[in-house]
Amino acid sequence: MARITVDDCLEFIPNRFELTLAESYRARQISIGNTALVDENNDKP
């Protein structure tokens, strides 16, 4: 599975600060119990 880099994400959210906000928002969603959008078993430990 290919890793996604910051440069890849900047194509969708061009501002690094806004990208950080979006990442932290999604991390909070996952930590409170929302389902992940990728398969957890297909990731390196």
PDB file of N, CA and C in Angstrom:
ATOM      1  N   MET A   1       0.852  -1.178   0.000  1.00  0.00           N
ATOM      2  CA  MET A   1       0.000   0.000   0.000  1.00  0.00           C
ATOM      3  C   MET A   1       0.895   1.237   0.000  1.00  0.00           C
ATOM      4  N   ALA A   2       0.659   2.114  -0.908  1.00  0.00           N
ATOM      5  CA  ALA A   2       1.462   3.330  -1.025  1.00  0.00           C
ATOM      6  C   ALA A   2       1.106   4.314   0.086  1.00  0.00           C
ATOM      7  N   ARG A   3       2.105   4.959   0.592  1.00  0.00           N
ATOM      8  CA  ARG A   3       1.892   5.986   1.615  1.00  0.00           C
ATOM      9  C   ARG A   3       1.539   7.299   0.937  1.00  0.00           C
ATOM     10  N   ILE A   4       0.686   8.064   1.565  1.00  0.00           N
ATOM     11  CA  ILE A   4       0.299   9.370   1.036  1.00  0.00           C
ATOM     12  C   ILE A   4       1.175  10.419   1.700  1.00  0.00           C
ATOM     13  N   THR A   5       1.781  11.280   0.903  1.00  0.00           N
ATOM     14  CA  THR A   5       2.662  12.315   1.428  1.00  0.00           C
ATOM     15  C   THR A   5       1.916  13.642   1.539  1.00  0.00           C
ATOM     16  N   VAL A   6       2.540  14.580   2.210  1.00  0.00           N
ATOM     17  CA  VAL A   6       1.962  15.920   2.341  1.00  0.00           C
ATOM     18  C   VAL A   6       1.799  16.550   0.968  1.00  0.00           C
ATOM     19  N   ASP A   7       2.773  16.343   0.104  1.00  0.00           N
ATOM     20  CA  ASP A   7       2.694  16.914  -1.244  1.00  0.00           C
ATOM     21  C   ASP A   7       1.489  16.374  -2.012  1.00  0.00           C
ATOM     22  N   ASP A   8       1.164  15.091  -1.810  1.00  0.00           N
ATOM     23  CA  ASP A   8      -0.025  14.524  -2.450  1.00  0.00           C
ATOM     24  C   ASP A   8      -1.291  15.196  -1.932  1.00  0.00           C
ATOM     25  N   CYS A   9      -1.347  15.457  -0.645  1.00  0.00           N
ATOM     26  CA  CYS A   9      -2.533  16.064  -0.035  1.00  0.00           C
ATOM     27  C   CYS A   9      -2.691  17.529  -0.421  1.00  0.00           C
ATOM     28  N   LEU A  10      -1.578  18.206  -0.685  1.00  0.00           N
ATOM     29  CA  LEU A  10      -1.638  19.622  -1.033  1.00  0.00           C
ATOM     30  C   LEU A  10      -2.341  19.865  -2.366  1.00  0.00           C
ATOM     31  N   GLU A  11      -2.508  18.816  -3.166  1.00  0.00           N
ATOM     32  CA  GLU A  11      -3.275  18.953  -4.408  1.00  0.00           C
ATOM     33  C   GLU A  11      -4.749  19.207  -4.109  1.00  0.00           C
ATOM     34  N   PHE A  12      -5.234  18.680  -2.979  1.00  0.00           N
ATOM     35  CA  PHE A  12      -6.641  18.807  -2.613  1.00  0.00           C
ATOM     36  C   PHE A  12      -6.898  19.973  -1.667  1.00  0.00           C
ATOM     37  N   ILE A  13      -5.977  20.186  -0.724  1.00  0.00           N
ATOM     38  CA  ILE A  13      -6.064  21.306   0.217  1.00  0.00           C
ATOM     39  C   ILE A  13      -4.736  22.050   0.108  1.00  0.00           C
ATOM     40  N   PRO A  14      -4.689  23.153  -0.650  1.00  0.00           N
ATOM     41  CA  PRO A  14      -3.409  23.791  -0.973  1.00  0.00           C
ATOM     42  C   PRO A  14      -2.708  24.489   0.193  1.00  0.00           C
ATOM     43  N   ASN A  15      -3.389  24.770   1.275  1.00  0.00           N
ATOM     44  CA  ASN A  15      -2.797  25.469   2.402  1.00  0.00           C
ATOM     45  C   ASN A  15      -2.397  24.452   3.469  1.00  0.00           C
ATOM     46  N   ARG A  16      -1.127  24.448   3.875  1.00  0.00           N
ATOM     47  CA  ARG A  16      -0.651  23.471   4.865  1.00  0.00           C
ATOM     48  C   ARG A  16      -1.357  23.619   6.208  1.00  0.00           C
ATOM     49  N   PHE A  17      -1.703  24.838   6.606  1.00  0.00           N
ATOM     50  CA  PHE A  17      -2.400  25.041   7.869  1.00  0.00           C
ATOM     51  C   PHE A  17      -3.790  24.420   7.811  1.00  0.00           C
ATOM     52  N   GLU A  18      -4.516  24.652   6.726  1.00  0.00           N
ATOM     53  CA  GLU A  18      -5.847  24.061   6.579  1.00  0.00           C
ATOM     54  C   GLU A  18      -5.762  22.538   6.483  1.00  0.00           C
ATOM     55  N   LEU A  19      -4.699  22.032   5.876  1.00  0.00           N
ATOM     56  CA  LEU A  19      -4.496  20.587   5.798  1.00  0.00           C
ATOM     57  C   LEU A  19      -4.329  19.999   7.196  1.00  0.00           C
ATOM     58  N   THR A  20      -3.570  20.676   8.047  1.00  0.00           N
ATOM     59  CA  THR A  20      -3.381  20.221   9.420  1.00  0.00           C
ATOM     60  C   THR A  20      -4.694  20.226  10.183  1.00  0.00           C
ATOM     61  N   LEU A  21      -5.507  21.260   9.980  1.00  0.00           N
ATOM     62  CA  LEU A  21      -6.812  21.309  10.639  1.00  0.00           C
ATOM     63  C   LEU A  21      -7.705  20.158  10.185  1.00  0.00           C
ATOM     64  N   ALA A  22      -7.705  19.869   8.896  1.00  0.00           N
ATOM     65  CA  ALA A  22      -8.520  18.775   8.368  1.00  0.00           C
ATOM     66  C   ALA A  22      -8.047  17.429   8.921  1.00  0.00           C
ATOM     67  N   GLU A  23      -6.744  17.246   9.024  1.00  0.00           N
ATOM     68  CA  GLU A  23      -6.199  15.996   9.559  1.00  0.00           C
ATOM     69  C   GLU A  23      -6.556  15.819  11.026  1.00  0.00           C
ATOM     70  N   SER A  24      -6.461  16.881  11.807  1.00  0.00           N
ATOM     71  CA  SER A  24      -6.787  16.768  13.230  1.00  0.00           C
ATOM     72  C   SER A  24      -8.275  16.533  13.440  1.00  0.00           C
ATOM     73  N   TYR A  25      -9.110  17.140  12.588  1.00  0.00           N
ATOM     74  CA  TYR A  25     -10.555  16.923  12.665  1.00  0.00           C
ATOM     75  C   TYR A  25     -10.878  15.453  12.392  1.00  0.00           C
ATOM     76  N   ARG A  26     -10.247  14.882  11.372  1.00  0.00           N
ATOM     77  CA  ARG A  26     -10.504  13.484  11.025  1.00  0.00           C
ATOM     78  C   ARG A  26      -9.972  12.554  12.109  1.00  0.00           C
ATOM     79  N   ALA A  27      -8.830  12.871  12.694  1.00  0.00           N
ATOM     80  CA  ALA A  27      -8.273  12.053  13.771  1.00  0.00           C
ATOM     81  C   ALA A  27      -9.202  12.044  14.978  1.00  0.00           C
ATOM     82  N   ARG A  28      -9.799  13.193  15.294  1.00  0.00           N
ATOM     83  CA  ARG A  28     -10.762  13.246  16.396  1.00  0.00           C
ATOM     84  C   ARG A  28     -11.990  12.396  16.094  1.00  0.00           C
ATOM     85  N   GLN A  29     -12.465  12.448  14.855  1.00  0.00           N
ATOM     86  CA  GLN A  29     -13.621  11.637  14.469  1.00  0.00           C
ATOM     87  C   GLN A  29     -13.334  10.150  14.679  1.00  0.00           C
ATOM     88  N   ILE A  30     -12.168   9.707  14.265  1.00  0.00           N
ATOM     89  CA  ILE A  30     -11.812   8.299  14.407  1.00  0.00           C
ATOM     90  C   ILE A  30     -11.652   7.931  15.876  1.00  0.00           C
ATOM     91  N   SER A  31     -11.071   8.820  16.676  1.00  0.00           N
ATOM     92  CA  SER A  31     -10.833   8.507  18.087  1.00  0.00           C
ATOM     93  C   SER A  31     -12.121   8.395  18.893  1.00  0.00           C
ATOM     94  N   ILE A  32     -13.202   9.061  18.452  1.00  0.00           N
ATOM     95  CA  ILE A  32     -14.465   8.949  19.191  1.00  0.00           C
ATOM     96  C   ILE A  32     -15.337   7.806  18.681  1.00  0.00           C
ATOM     97  N   GLY A  33     -14.838   7.081  17.669  1.00  0.00           N
ATOM     98  CA  GLY A  33     -15.541   5.881  17.258  1.00  0.00           C
ATOM     99  C   GLY A  33     -16.053   5.835  15.841  1.00  0.00           C
ATOM    100  N   ASN A  34     -15.865   6.864  15.057  1.00  0.00           N
ATOM    101  CA  ASN A  34     -16.283   6.800  13.654  1.00  0.00           C
ATOM    102  C   ASN A  34     -15.431   5.779  12.916  1.00  0.00           C
ATOM    103  N   THR A  35     -15.992   5.204  11.875  1.00  0.00           N
ATOM    104  CA  THR A  35     -15.265   4.173  11.139  1.00  0.00           C
ATOM    105  C   THR A  35     -14.194   4.795  10.248  1.00  0.00           C
ATOM    106  N   ALA A  36     -13.109   4.061  10.108  1.00  0.00           N
ATOM    107  CA  ALA A  36     -12.024   4.498   9.231  1.00  0.00           C
ATOM    108  C   ALA A  36     -12.435   4.291   7.782  1.00  0.00           C
ATOM    109  N   LEU A  37     -11.905   5.104   6.894  1.00  0.00           N
ATOM    110  CA  LEU A  37     -12.241   5.014   5.479  1.00  0.00           C
ATOM    111  C   LEU A  37     -11.325   4.055   4.725  1.00  0.00           C
ATOM    112  N   VAL A  38     -10.292   3.558   5.383  1.00  0.00           N
ATOM    113  CA  VAL A  38      -9.377   2.594   4.772  1.00  0.00           C
ATOM    114  C   VAL A  38      -9.399   1.312   5.594  1.00  0.00           C
ATOM    115  N   ASP A  39      -8.978   0.225   4.989  1.00  0.00           N
ATOM    116  CA  ASP A  39      -8.939  -1.064   5.663  1.00  0.00           C
ATOM    117  C   ASP A  39      -7.800  -1.074   6.676  1.00  0.00           C
ATOM    118  N   GLU A  40      -8.119  -1.312   7.942  1.00  0.00           N
ATOM    119  CA  GLU A  40      -7.100  -1.299   8.989  1.00  0.00           C
ATOM    120  C   GLU A  40      -6.131  -2.465   8.860  1.00  0.00           C
ATOM    121  N   ASN A  41      -6.577  -3.576   8.311  1.00  0.00           N
ATOM    122  CA  ASN A  41      -5.725  -4.762   8.204  1.00  0.00           C
ATOM    123  C   ASN A  41      -4.718  -4.659   7.070  1.00  0.00           C
ATOM    124  N   ASN A  42      -4.836  -3.661   6.234  1.00  0.00           N
ATOM    125  CA  ASN A  42      -3.940  -3.515   5.096  1.00  0.00           C
ATOM    126  C   ASN A  42      -2.894  -2.433   5.359  1.00  0.00           C
ATOM    127  N   ASP A  43      -2.488  -2.276   6.614  1.00  0.00           N
ATOM    128  CA  ASP A  43      -1.519  -1.256   6.978  1.00  0.00           C
ATOM    129  C   ASP A  43      -0.356  -1.910   7.709  1.00  0.00           C
ATOM    130  N   LYS A  44       0.799  -1.326   7.589  1.00  0.00           N
ATOM    131  CA  LYS A  44       1.961  -1.857   8.295  1.00  0.00           C
ATOM    132  C   LYS A  44       1.801  -1.584   9.789  1.00  0.00           C
ATOM    133  N   PRO A  45       2.247  -2.514  10.630  1.00  0.00           N
ATOM    134  CA  PRO A  45       2.121  -2.312  12.089  1.00  0.00           C
ATOM    135  C   PRO A  45       3.028  -1.223  12.615  1.00  0.00           C
TER     136      PRO A  45
END
